[in-house]
C-alpha atoms as a PDB file:
ATOM      1  CA  UNK A   1     106.473 180.535 108.305  1.00  0.00           C
ATOM      2  CA  UNK A   2     102.735 179.677 108.260  1.00  0.00           C
ATOM      3  CA  UNK A   3     103.061 178.063 104.850  1.00  0.00           C
ATOM      4  CA  UNK A   4     105.907 175.834 106.102  1.00  0.00           C
ATOM      5  CA  UNK A   5     103.928 174.760 109.145  1.00  0.00           C
ATOM      6  CA  UNK A   6     100.960 173.872 106.945  1.00  0.00           C
ATOM      7  CA  UNK A   7     103.101 171.693 104.700  1.00  0.00           C
ATOM      8  CA  UNK A   8     104.488 169.850 107.685  1.00  0.00           C
ATOM      9  CA  UNK A   9     101.001 169.222 109.038  1.00  0.00           C
ATOM     10  CA  UNK A  10      99.823 167.879 105.688  1.00  0.00           C
ATOM     11  CA  UNK A  11     102.829 165.553 105.554  1.00  0.00           C
ATOM     12  CA  UNK A  12     102.069 164.254 109.026  1.00  0.00           C
ATOM     13  CA  UNK A  13      98.443 163.649 108.114  1.00  0.00           C
ATOM     14  CA  UNK A  14      99.464 161.681 105.023  1.00  0.00           C
ATOM     15  CA  UNK A  15     101.840 159.517 107.040  1.00  0.00           C
ATOM     16  CA  UNK A  16      99.173 158.897 109.672  1.00  0.00           C
ATOM     17  CA  UNK A  17      96.702 157.933 106.934  1.00  0.00           C
ATOM     18  CA  UNK A  18      99.143 155.464 105.398  1.00  0.00           C
ATOM     19  CA  UNK A  19      99.877 154.002 108.815  1.00  0.00           C
ATOM     20  CA  UNK A  20      96.171 153.536 109.464  1.00  0.00           C
ATOM     21  CA  UNK A  21      95.783 151.820 106.078  1.00  0.00           C
ATOM     22  CA  UNK A  22      98.693 149.513 106.836  1.00  0.00           C
ATOM     23  CA  UNK A  23      97.250 148.620 110.240  1.00  0.00           C
ATOM     24  CA  UNK A  24      93.859 147.923 108.694  1.00  0.00           C
ATOM     25  CA  UNK A  25      95.422 145.705 106.031  1.00  0.00           C
ATOM     26  CA  UNK A  26      97.441 143.854 108.670  1.00  0.00           C
ATOM     27  CA  UNK A  27      94.332 143.292 110.752  1.00  0.00           C
ATOM     28  CA  UNK A  28      92.499 141.851 107.764  1.00  0.00           C
ATOM     29  CA  UNK A  29      95.443 139.551 106.962  1.00  0.00           C
ATOM     30  CA  UNK A  30      95.631 138.386 110.575  1.00  0.00           C
ATOM     31  CA  UNK A  31      91.906 137.668 110.523  1.00  0.00           C
ATOM     32  CA  UNK A  32      92.296 135.508 107.428  1.00  0.00           C
ATOM     33  CA  UNK A  33      95.265 133.651 108.894  1.00  0.00           C
ATOM     34  CA  UNK A  34      93.479 132.976 112.152  1.00  0.00           C
ATOM     35  CA  UNK A  35      90.406 131.770 110.266  1.00  0.00           C
ATOM     36  CA  UNK A  36      92.590 129.197 108.491  1.00  0.00           C
ATOM     37  CA  UNK A  37      93.945 127.827 111.775  1.00  0.00           C
ATOM     38  CA  UNK A  38      90.653 126.411 112.951  1.00  0.00           C
ATOM     39  CA  UNK A  39      90.711 122.812 114.227  1.00  0.00           C
ATOM     40  CA  UNK A  40      87.773 121.566 112.187  1.00  0.00           C
ATOM     41  CA  UNK A  41      89.798 118.933 110.269  1.00  0.00           C
ATOM     42  CA  UNK A  42      91.550 117.738 113.390  1.00  0.00           C
ATOM     43  CA  UNK A  43      88.425 117.542 115.479  1.00  0.00           C
ATOM     44  CA  UNK A  44      86.118 116.147 112.785  1.00  0.00           C
ATOM     45  CA  UNK A  45      84.581 112.685 113.344  1.00  0.00           C
ATOM     46  CA  UNK A  46      86.680 110.066 111.575  1.00  0.00           C
ATOM     47  CA  UNK A  47      87.818 106.440 111.842  1.00  0.00           C
ATOM     48  CA  UNK A  48      91.258 105.495 113.085  1.00  0.00           C
ATOM     49  CA  UNK A  49      93.049 102.458 111.554  1.00  0.00           C
ATOM     50  CA  UNK A  50      92.837  99.258 113.601  1.00  0.00           C
ATOM     51  CA  UNK A  51      90.164 100.727 115.891  1.00  0.00           C
ATOM     52  CA  UNK A  52      86.632  99.518 116.307  1.00  0.00           C
ATOM     53  CA  UNK A  53      83.468 101.500 115.841  1.00  0.00           C
ATOM     54  CA  UNK A  54      79.792 101.167 116.592  1.00  0.00           C
ATOM     55  CA  UNK A  55      78.876 102.897 113.333  1.00  0.00           C
ATOM     56  CA  UNK A  56      78.910  99.622 111.360  1.00  0.00           C
ATOM     57  CA  UNK A  57      77.224  96.422 112.387  1.00  0.00           C
ATOM     58  CA  UNK A  58      80.422  94.355 112.200  1.00  0.00           C
ATOM     59  CA  UNK A  59      82.249  96.781 114.516  1.00  0.00           C
ATOM     60  CA  UNK A  60      85.093  97.375 112.063  1.00  0.00           C
ATOM     61  CA  UNK A  61      86.101 100.890 111.100  1.00  0.00           C
ATOM     62  CA  UNK A  62      88.132  99.736 108.072  1.00  0.00           C
ATOM     63  CA  UNK A  63      85.763  98.509 105.403  1.00  0.00           C
ATOM     64  CA  UNK A  64      86.541  95.392 103.328  1.00  0.00           C
ATOM     65  CA  UNK A  65      87.491  95.835  99.700  1.00  0.00           C
ATOM     66  CA  UNK A  66      84.853  95.503  97.057  1.00  0.00           C
ATOM     67  CA  UNK A  67      84.676  91.891  95.883  1.00  0.00           C
ATOM     68  CA  UNK A  68      86.831  91.114  92.811  1.00  0.00           C
ATOM     69  CA  UNK A  69      88.734  94.379  93.161  1.00  0.00           C
ATOM     70  CA  UNK A  70      91.934  94.317  91.094  1.00  0.00           C
ATOM     71  CA  UNK A  71      94.840  96.686  91.559  1.00  0.00           C
ATOM     72  CA  UNK A  72      95.964  98.747  88.598  1.00  0.00           C
ATOM     73  CA  UNK A  73      98.218  96.687  86.347  1.00  0.00           C
ATOM     74  CA  UNK A  74      97.286  93.365  88.024  1.00  0.00           C
ATOM     75  CA  UNK A  75      94.240  92.280  86.042  1.00  0.00           C
ATOM     76  CA  UNK A  76      96.073  89.232  84.637  1.00  0.00           C
ATOM     77  CA  UNK A  77      93.496  88.364  82.001  1.00  0.00           C
ATOM     78  CA  UNK A  78      95.771  85.632  80.577  1.00  0.00           C
ATOM     79  CA  UNK A  79      95.423  83.156  83.443  1.00  0.00           C
ATOM     80  CA  UNK A  80      97.577  80.506  81.744  1.00  0.00           C
ATOM     81  CA  UNK A  81     100.514  82.926  81.476  1.00  0.00           C
ATOM     82  CA  UNK A  82     100.459  83.484  85.244  1.00  0.00           C
ATOM     83  CA  UNK A  83      99.556  79.980  86.457  1.00  0.00           C
ATOM     84  CA  UNK A  84     100.439  77.379  83.824  1.00  0.00           C
ATOM     85  CA  UNK A  85      97.009  75.849  84.480  1.00  0.00           C
ATOM     86  CA  UNK A  86      93.978  75.418  82.252  1.00  0.00           C
ATOM     87  CA  UNK A  87      90.784  74.720  84.171  1.00  0.00           C
ATOM     88  CA  UNK A  88      92.909  73.657  87.118  1.00  0.00           C
ATOM     89  CA  UNK A  89      95.089  71.253  85.084  1.00  0.00           C
ATOM     90  CA  UNK A  90      98.647  71.732  83.868  1.00  0.00           C
ATOM     91  CA  UNK A  91      98.704  72.875  80.272  1.00  0.00           C
ATOM     92  CA  UNK A  92     101.234  71.777  77.678  1.00  0.00           C
ATOM     93  CA  UNK A  93     102.162  74.785  75.625  1.00  0.00           C
ATOM     94  CA  UNK A  94     104.038  78.088  75.641  1.00  0.00           C
ATOM     95  CA  UNK A  95     101.997  81.294  76.010  1.00  0.00           C
ATOM     96  CA  UNK A  96     104.352  82.984  73.513  1.00  0.00           C
ATOM     97  CA  UNK A  97     106.706  81.738  70.767  1.00  0.00           C
ATOM     98  CA  UNK A  98     109.880  80.016  71.976  1.00  0.00           C
ATOM     99  CA  UNK A  99     112.344  81.998  69.889  1.00  0.00           C
ATOM    100  CA  UNK A 100     116.129  81.730  70.083  1.00  0.00           C
ATOM    101  CA  UNK A 101     116.143  84.896  72.199  1.00  0.00           C
ATOM    102  CA  UNK A 102     113.682  83.292  74.633  1.00  0.00           C
ATOM    103  CA  UNK A 103     115.832  80.149  74.894  1.00  0.00           C
ATOM    104  CA  UNK A 104     118.976  82.216  75.522  1.00  0.00           C
ATOM    105  CA  UNK A 105     117.190  84.137  78.249  1.00  0.00           C
ATOM    106  CA  UNK A 106     115.911  80.876  79.711  1.00  0.00           C
ATOM    107  CA  UNK A 107     119.416  79.412  79.739  1.00  0.00           C
ATOM    108  CA  UNK A 108     120.791  82.474  81.512  1.00  0.00           C
ATOM    109  CA  UNK A 109     118.064  82.407  84.182  1.00  0.00           C
ATOM    110  CA  UNK A 110     118.333  78.607  84.522  1.00  0.00           C
ATOM    111  CA  UNK A 111     122.067  78.832  85.125  1.00  0.00           C
ATOM    112  CA  UNK A 112     121.477  81.423  87.850  1.00  0.00           C
ATOM    113  CA  UNK A 113     118.611  79.841  89.783  1.00  0.00           C
ATOM    114  CA  UNK A 114     118.366  76.155  88.826  1.00  0.00           C
ATOM    115  CA  UNK A 115     121.878  74.774  88.413  1.00  0.00           C
ATOM    116  CA  UNK A 116     122.789  74.694  92.136  1.00  0.00           C
ATOM    117  CA  UNK A 117     120.340  71.802  92.541  1.00  0.00           C
ATOM    118  CA  UNK A 118     119.573  70.474  89.057  1.00  0.00           C
ATOM    119  CA  UNK A 119     123.059  70.998  87.514  1.00  0.00           C
ATOM    120  CA  UNK A 120     123.883  72.490  84.129  1.00  0.00           C
ATOM    121  CA  UNK A 121     122.722  69.337  82.320  1.00  0.00           C
ATOM    122  CA  UNK A 122     119.555  68.941  84.394  1.00  0.00           C
ATOM    123  CA  UNK A 123     120.313  65.545  85.912  1.00  0.00           C
ATOM    124  CA  UNK A 124     119.515  66.646  89.483  1.00  0.00           C
ATOM    125  CA  UNK A 125     123.091  66.416  90.738  1.00  0.00           C
ATOM    126  CA  UNK A 126     123.913  70.071  91.306  1.00  0.00           C
ATOM    127  CA  UNK A 127     126.805  71.218  93.434  1.00  0.00           C
ATOM    128  CA  UNK A 128     124.819  71.556  96.658  1.00  0.00           C
ATOM    129  CA  UNK A 129     123.319  68.098  96.104  1.00  0.00           C
ATOM    130  CA  UNK A 130     126.835  66.708  95.813  1.00  0.00           C
ATOM    131  CA  UNK A 131     127.548  68.323  99.158  1.00  0.00           C
ATOM    132  CA  UNK A 132     124.698  66.581 100.951  1.00  0.00           C
ATOM    133  CA  UNK A 133     121.618  68.627 100.081  1.00  0.00           C
ATOM    134  CA  UNK A 134     118.401  66.797  99.259  1.00  0.00           C
ATOM    135  CA  UNK A 135     118.351  65.120  95.850  1.00  0.00           C
ATOM    136  CA  UNK A 136     116.788  67.182  93.079  1.00  0.00           C
ATOM    137  CA  UNK A 137     114.660  65.743  90.301  1.00  0.00           C
ATOM    138  CA  UNK A 138     116.301  64.811  87.019  1.00  0.00           C
ATOM    139  CA  UNK A 139     114.726  66.422  83.977  1.00  0.00           C
ATOM    140  CA  UNK A 140     115.766  63.333  82.008  1.00  0.00           C
ATOM    141  CA  UNK A 141     113.584  60.923  83.956  1.00  0.00           C
ATOM    142  CA  UNK A 142     110.618  59.387  82.158  1.00  0.00           C
ATOM    143  CA  UNK A 143     108.227  61.249  84.446  1.00  0.00           C
ATOM    144  CA  UNK A 144     109.578  64.727  83.687  1.00  0.00           C
ATOM    145  CA  UNK A 145     110.323  64.062  80.026  1.00  0.00           C
ATOM    146  CA  UNK A 146     106.601  63.504  79.517  1.00  0.00           C
ATOM    147  CA  UNK A 147     105.446  66.204  81.963  1.00  0.00           C
ATOM    148  CA  UNK A 148     103.524  69.097  80.384  1.00  0.00           C
ATOM    149  CA  UNK A 149     105.179  72.483  80.192  1.00  0.00           C
ATOM    150  CA  UNK A 150     102.677  73.903  82.649  1.00  0.00           C
ATOM    151  CA  UNK A 151     104.030  71.499  85.273  1.00  0.00           C
ATOM    152  CA  UNK A 152     107.466  73.127  85.266  1.00  0.00           C
ATOM    153  CA  UNK A 153     105.983  76.628  85.397  1.00  0.00           C
ATOM    154  CA  UNK A 154     103.671  75.629  88.252  1.00  0.00           C
ATOM    155  CA  UNK A 155     106.565  74.099  90.212  1.00  0.00           C
ATOM    156  CA  UNK A 156     108.783  77.164  89.728  1.00  0.00           C
ATOM    157  CA  UNK A 157     105.923  79.388  90.855  1.00  0.00           C
ATOM    158  CA  UNK A 158     104.714  77.354  93.844  1.00  0.00           C
ATOM    159  CA  UNK A 159     107.492  74.930  94.787  1.00  0.00           C
ATOM    160  CA  UNK A 160     107.363  71.140  94.989  1.00  0.00           C
ATOM    161  CA  UNK A 161     108.479  68.856  97.801  1.00  0.00           C
ATOM    162  CA  UNK A 162     111.675  70.302  99.246  1.00  0.00           C
ATOM    163  CA  UNK A 163     111.974  72.821  96.417  1.00  0.00           C
ATOM    164  CA  UNK A 164     110.846  76.338  97.429  1.00  0.00           C
ATOM    165  CA  UNK A 165     108.925  78.589  95.107  1.00  0.00           C
ATOM    166  CA  UNK A 166     110.801  81.161  93.021  1.00  0.00           C
ATOM    167  CA  UNK A 167     107.879  83.474  92.272  1.00  0.00           C
ATOM    168  CA  UNK A 168     109.576  86.351  94.100  1.00  0.00           C
ATOM    169  CA  UNK A 169     112.905  85.919  92.300  1.00  0.00           C
ATOM    170  CA  UNK A 170     111.744  85.134  88.755  1.00  0.00           C
ATOM    171  CA  UNK A 171     109.056  87.056  86.884  1.00  0.00           C
ATOM    172  CA  UNK A 172     106.451  84.991  84.946  1.00  0.00           C
ATOM    173  CA  UNK A 173     107.980  85.730  81.542  1.00  0.00           C
ATOM    174  CA  UNK A 174     111.380  84.463  82.691  1.00  0.00           C
ATOM    175  CA  UNK A 175     109.775  81.376  84.248  1.00  0.00           C
ATOM    176  CA  UNK A 176     108.362  80.467  80.849  1.00  0.00           C
ATOM    177  CA  UNK A 177     111.760  81.111  79.282  1.00  0.00           C
ATOM    178  CA  UNK A 178     113.268  78.641  81.768  1.00  0.00           C
ATOM    179  CA  UNK A 179     110.528  76.125  80.922  1.00  0.00           C
ATOM    180  CA  UNK A 180     111.367  76.402  77.226  1.00  0.00           C
ATOM    181  CA  UNK A 181     115.068  75.908  77.966  1.00  0.00           C
ATOM    182  CA  UNK A 182     114.353  72.858  80.146  1.00  0.00           C
ATOM    183  CA  UNK A 183     112.508  71.250  77.232  1.00  0.00           C
ATOM    184  CA  UNK A 184     115.409  72.083  74.918  1.00  0.00           C
ATOM    185  CA  UNK A 185     117.809  70.673  77.519  1.00  0.00           C
ATOM    186  CA  UNK A 186     115.841  67.430  77.612  1.00  0.00           C
ATOM    187  CA  UNK A 187     115.954  67.142  73.830  1.00  0.00           C
ATOM    188  CA  UNK A 188     119.666  67.928  73.724  1.00  0.00           C
ATOM    189  CA  UNK A 189     120.577  64.905  75.830  1.00  0.00           C
ATOM    190  CA  UNK A 190     118.857  62.451  73.477  1.00  0.00           C
ATOM    191  CA  UNK A 191     118.989  64.249  70.165  1.00  0.00           C
ATOM    192  CA  UNK A 192     119.357  62.289  66.943  1.00  0.00           C
ATOM    193  CA  UNK A 193     120.279  63.370  63.459  1.00  0.00           C
ATOM    194  CA  UNK A 194     116.584  63.553  62.611  1.00  0.00           C
ATOM    195  CA  UNK A 195     116.051  66.187  65.324  1.00  0.00           C
ATOM    196  CA  UNK A 196     118.358  68.788  63.789  1.00  0.00           C
ATOM    197  CA  UNK A 197     118.151  70.775  60.528  1.00  0.00           C
ATOM    198  CA  UNK A 198     119.783  69.458  57.406  1.00  0.00           C
ATOM    199  CA  UNK A 199     123.511  70.056  57.452  1.00  0.00           C
ATOM    200  CA  UNK A 200     123.760  70.166  61.242  1.00  0.00           C
ATOM    201  CA  UNK A 201     125.694  67.448  63.034  1.00  0.00           C
ATOM    202  CA  UNK A 202     124.774  65.705  66.271  1.00  0.00           C
ATOM    203  CA  UNK A 203     127.886  65.149  68.355  1.00  0.00           C
ATOM    204  CA  UNK A 204     128.020  62.742  71.331  1.00  0.00           C
ATOM    205  CA  UNK A 205     128.664  64.294  74.718  1.00  0.00           C
ATOM    206  CA  UNK A 206     131.749  62.125  75.127  1.00  0.00           C
ATOM    207  CA  UNK A 207     133.297  63.698  72.038  1.00  0.00           C
ATOM    208  CA  UNK A 208     132.520  67.182  73.316  1.00  0.00           C
ATOM    209  CA  UNK A 209     134.082  66.315  76.684  1.00  0.00           C
ATOM    210  CA  UNK A 210     137.293  65.088  75.029  1.00  0.00           C
ATOM    211  CA  UNK A 211     137.484  68.189  72.863  1.00  0.00           C
ATOM    212  CA  UNK A 212     137.218  70.348  75.998  1.00  0.00           C
ATOM    213  CA  UNK A 213     140.085  68.457  77.635  1.00  0.00           C
ATOM    214  CA  UNK A 214     138.078  66.056  79.803  1.00  0.00           C
ATOM    215  CA  UNK A 215     138.022  62.258  79.671  1.00  0.00           C
ATOM    216  CA  UNK A 216     135.217  60.660  77.685  1.00  0.00           C
ATOM    217  CA  UNK A 217     133.790  59.244  80.928  1.00  0.00           C
ATOM    218  CA  UNK A 218     133.095  62.808  82.058  1.00  0.00           C
ATOM    219  CA  UNK A 219     129.831  62.657  80.099  1.00  0.00           C
ATOM    220  CA  UNK A 220     128.722  59.393  81.696  1.00  0.00           C
ATOM    221  CA  UNK A 221     125.787  59.225  84.077  1.00  0.00           C
ATOM    222  CA  UNK A 222     126.637  60.926  87.341  1.00  0.00           C
ATOM    223  CA  UNK A 223     126.098  59.141  90.611  1.00  0.00           C
ATOM    224  CA  UNK A 224     125.035  60.668  93.893  1.00  0.00           C
ATOM    225  CA  UNK A 225     127.500  60.791  96.786  1.00  0.00           C
ATOM    226  CA  UNK A 226     126.721  58.744  99.917  1.00  0.00           C
ATOM    227  CA  UNK A 227     125.773  61.932 101.742  1.00  0.00           C
ATOM    228  CA  UNK A 228     122.857  62.703  99.418  1.00  0.00           C
ATOM    229  CA  UNK A 229     119.362  62.061 100.729  1.00  0.00           C
ATOM    230  CA  UNK A 230     116.192  61.204  98.853  1.00  0.00           C
ATOM    231  CA  UNK A 231     113.492  60.914 101.490  1.00  0.00           C
ATOM    232  CA  UNK A 232     112.176  57.599 100.189  1.00  0.00           C
ATOM    233  CA  UNK A 233     113.058  54.140 101.587  1.00  0.00           C
ATOM    234  CA  UNK A 234     114.070  52.765  98.179  1.00  0.00           C
ATOM    235  CA  UNK A 235     115.950  55.925  97.051  1.00  0.00           C
ATOM    236  CA  UNK A 236     113.438  56.304  94.242  1.00  0.00           C
ATOM    237  CA  UNK A 237     111.458  59.299  93.077  1.00  0.00           C
ATOM    238  CA  UNK A 238     108.732  60.583  95.317  1.00  0.00           C
ATOM    239  CA  UNK A 239     105.238  59.861  94.001  1.00  0.00           C
ATOM    240  CA  UNK A 240     102.472  62.249  94.883  1.00  0.00           C
ATOM    241  CA  UNK A 241      99.556  60.668  96.789  1.00  0.00           C
ATOM    242  CA  UNK A 242      96.674  59.404  94.686  1.00  0.00           C
ATOM    243  CA  UNK A 243      93.200  60.371  95.952  1.00  0.00           C
ATOM    244  CA  UNK A 244      91.353  57.359  97.326  1.00  0.00           C
ATOM    245  CA  UNK A 245      88.187  56.350  95.442  1.00  0.00           C
ATOM    246  CA  UNK A 246      84.811  56.822  97.057  1.00  0.00           C
ATOM    247  CA  UNK A 247      83.891  53.837  99.274  1.00  0.00           C
ATOM    248  CA  UNK A 248      81.258  51.452  98.028  1.00  0.00           C
ATOM    249  CA  UNK A 249      77.938  51.439  99.860  1.00  0.00           C
ATOM    250  CA  UNK A 250      77.542  47.681  99.745  1.00  0.00           C
ATOM    251  CA  UNK A 251      81.101  46.782 100.662  1.00  0.00           C
ATOM    252  CA  UNK A 252      80.774  43.524  98.669  1.00  0.00           C
ATOM    253  CA  UNK A 253      82.778  42.452  95.678  1.00  0.00           C
ATOM    254  CA  UNK A 254      85.490  45.052  96.255  1.00  0.00           C
ATOM    255  CA  UNK A 255      89.171  44.704  97.010  1.00  0.00           C
ATOM    256  CA  UNK A 256      91.349  47.051  99.038  1.00  0.00           C
ATOM    257  CA  UNK A 257      94.785  48.194  97.930  1.00  0.00           C
ATOM    258  CA  UNK A 258      96.972  48.212 101.067  1.00  0.00           C
ATOM    259  CA  UNK A 259      99.006  51.108  99.659  1.00  0.00           C
ATOM    260  CA  UNK A 260      96.019  53.239  98.719  1.00  0.00           C
ATOM    261  CA  UNK A 261      95.804  54.946 102.089  1.00  0.00           C
ATOM    262  CA  UNK A 262      99.338  56.257 101.694  1.00  0.00           C
ATOM    263  CA  UNK A 263      98.887  57.241  98.072  1.00  0.00           C
ATOM    264  CA  UNK A 264     101.610  54.917  96.711  1.00  0.00           C
ATOM    265  CA  UNK A 265     100.948  53.025  93.461  1.00  0.00           C
ATOM    266  CA  UNK A 266     100.564  49.283  93.538  1.00  0.00           C
ATOM    267  CA  UNK A 267     103.880  47.486  93.970  1.00  0.00           C
ATOM    268  CA  UNK A 268     105.711  50.532  95.299  1.00  0.00           C
ATOM    269  CA  UNK A 269     106.576  51.213  98.892  1.00  0.00           C
ATOM    270  CA  UNK A 270     104.854  54.236 100.380  1.00  0.00           C
ATOM    271  CA  UNK A 271     107.297  57.128 100.804  1.00  0.00           C
ATOM    272  CA  UNK A 272     108.307  58.347 104.221  1.00  0.00           C
ATOM    273  CA  UNK A 273     107.198  61.774 105.291  1.00  0.00           C
ATOM    274  CA  UNK A 274     110.612  62.944 106.490  1.00  0.00           C
ATOM    275  CA  UNK A 275     111.448  64.549 103.163  1.00  0.00           C
ATOM    276  CA  UNK A 276     110.807  64.487  99.432  1.00  0.00           C
ATOM    277  CA  UNK A 277     113.106  65.159  96.495  1.00  0.00           C
ATOM    278  CA  UNK A 278     112.675  68.376  94.650  1.00  0.00           C
ATOM    279  CA  UNK A 279     110.900  68.733  91.352  1.00  0.00           C
END
């Protein structure tokens, strides 16, 4: 009987020892957990967005960015590719080769974004213009036929007159593709046999119209409906203002152009400010 009692006592002692060890371990764990719940990070001195501070002399808690800071992937070393300008002037060249693939992409993007105003043939009589929207520029006018390629890219990127910018809808590479297609579209309307490779045939638009089941007159020059507006008193193209020359100090021996203050060339009426045609 004594030996059995001793075994039970030893068993109880072992269980008590294990319980004490478990309690000690739990206490240590609780200490570590409580140490990690301190409020140092919450209570530390810091700046809150859009709040002032007396720490800096300008009173602003949010510091300005370092000058000339560029976000990752936005360095844009090729300025001409992103602006169409060279030293502030419109350049006349493509930043990459105008391959057949580029022209096909330009045609697809042109048909999506440009045809509502400028039409498929680029004469400025798109469907919404025929329904009374402001007249769009014709790519076959003398002014735009001689315009540098950078002009079209700059207009697509920044807008012109009543035309909004399309920088959010069209990425720069696609804008250049559209520019290349516009130039090809201009050439297509006045192409001669000398403009095509040997063996190719230049076909008049009237013949193409008849082959497609339309009358030959379908390819004639389109006219604007009476509801179309131009924004100029003579229904002509809008001419950007020309900067006035510096005034002469003497004021003698000089003549004044009455249209110079409005920016209209000599012999042309100054445009009204109620609206301007696009492009």
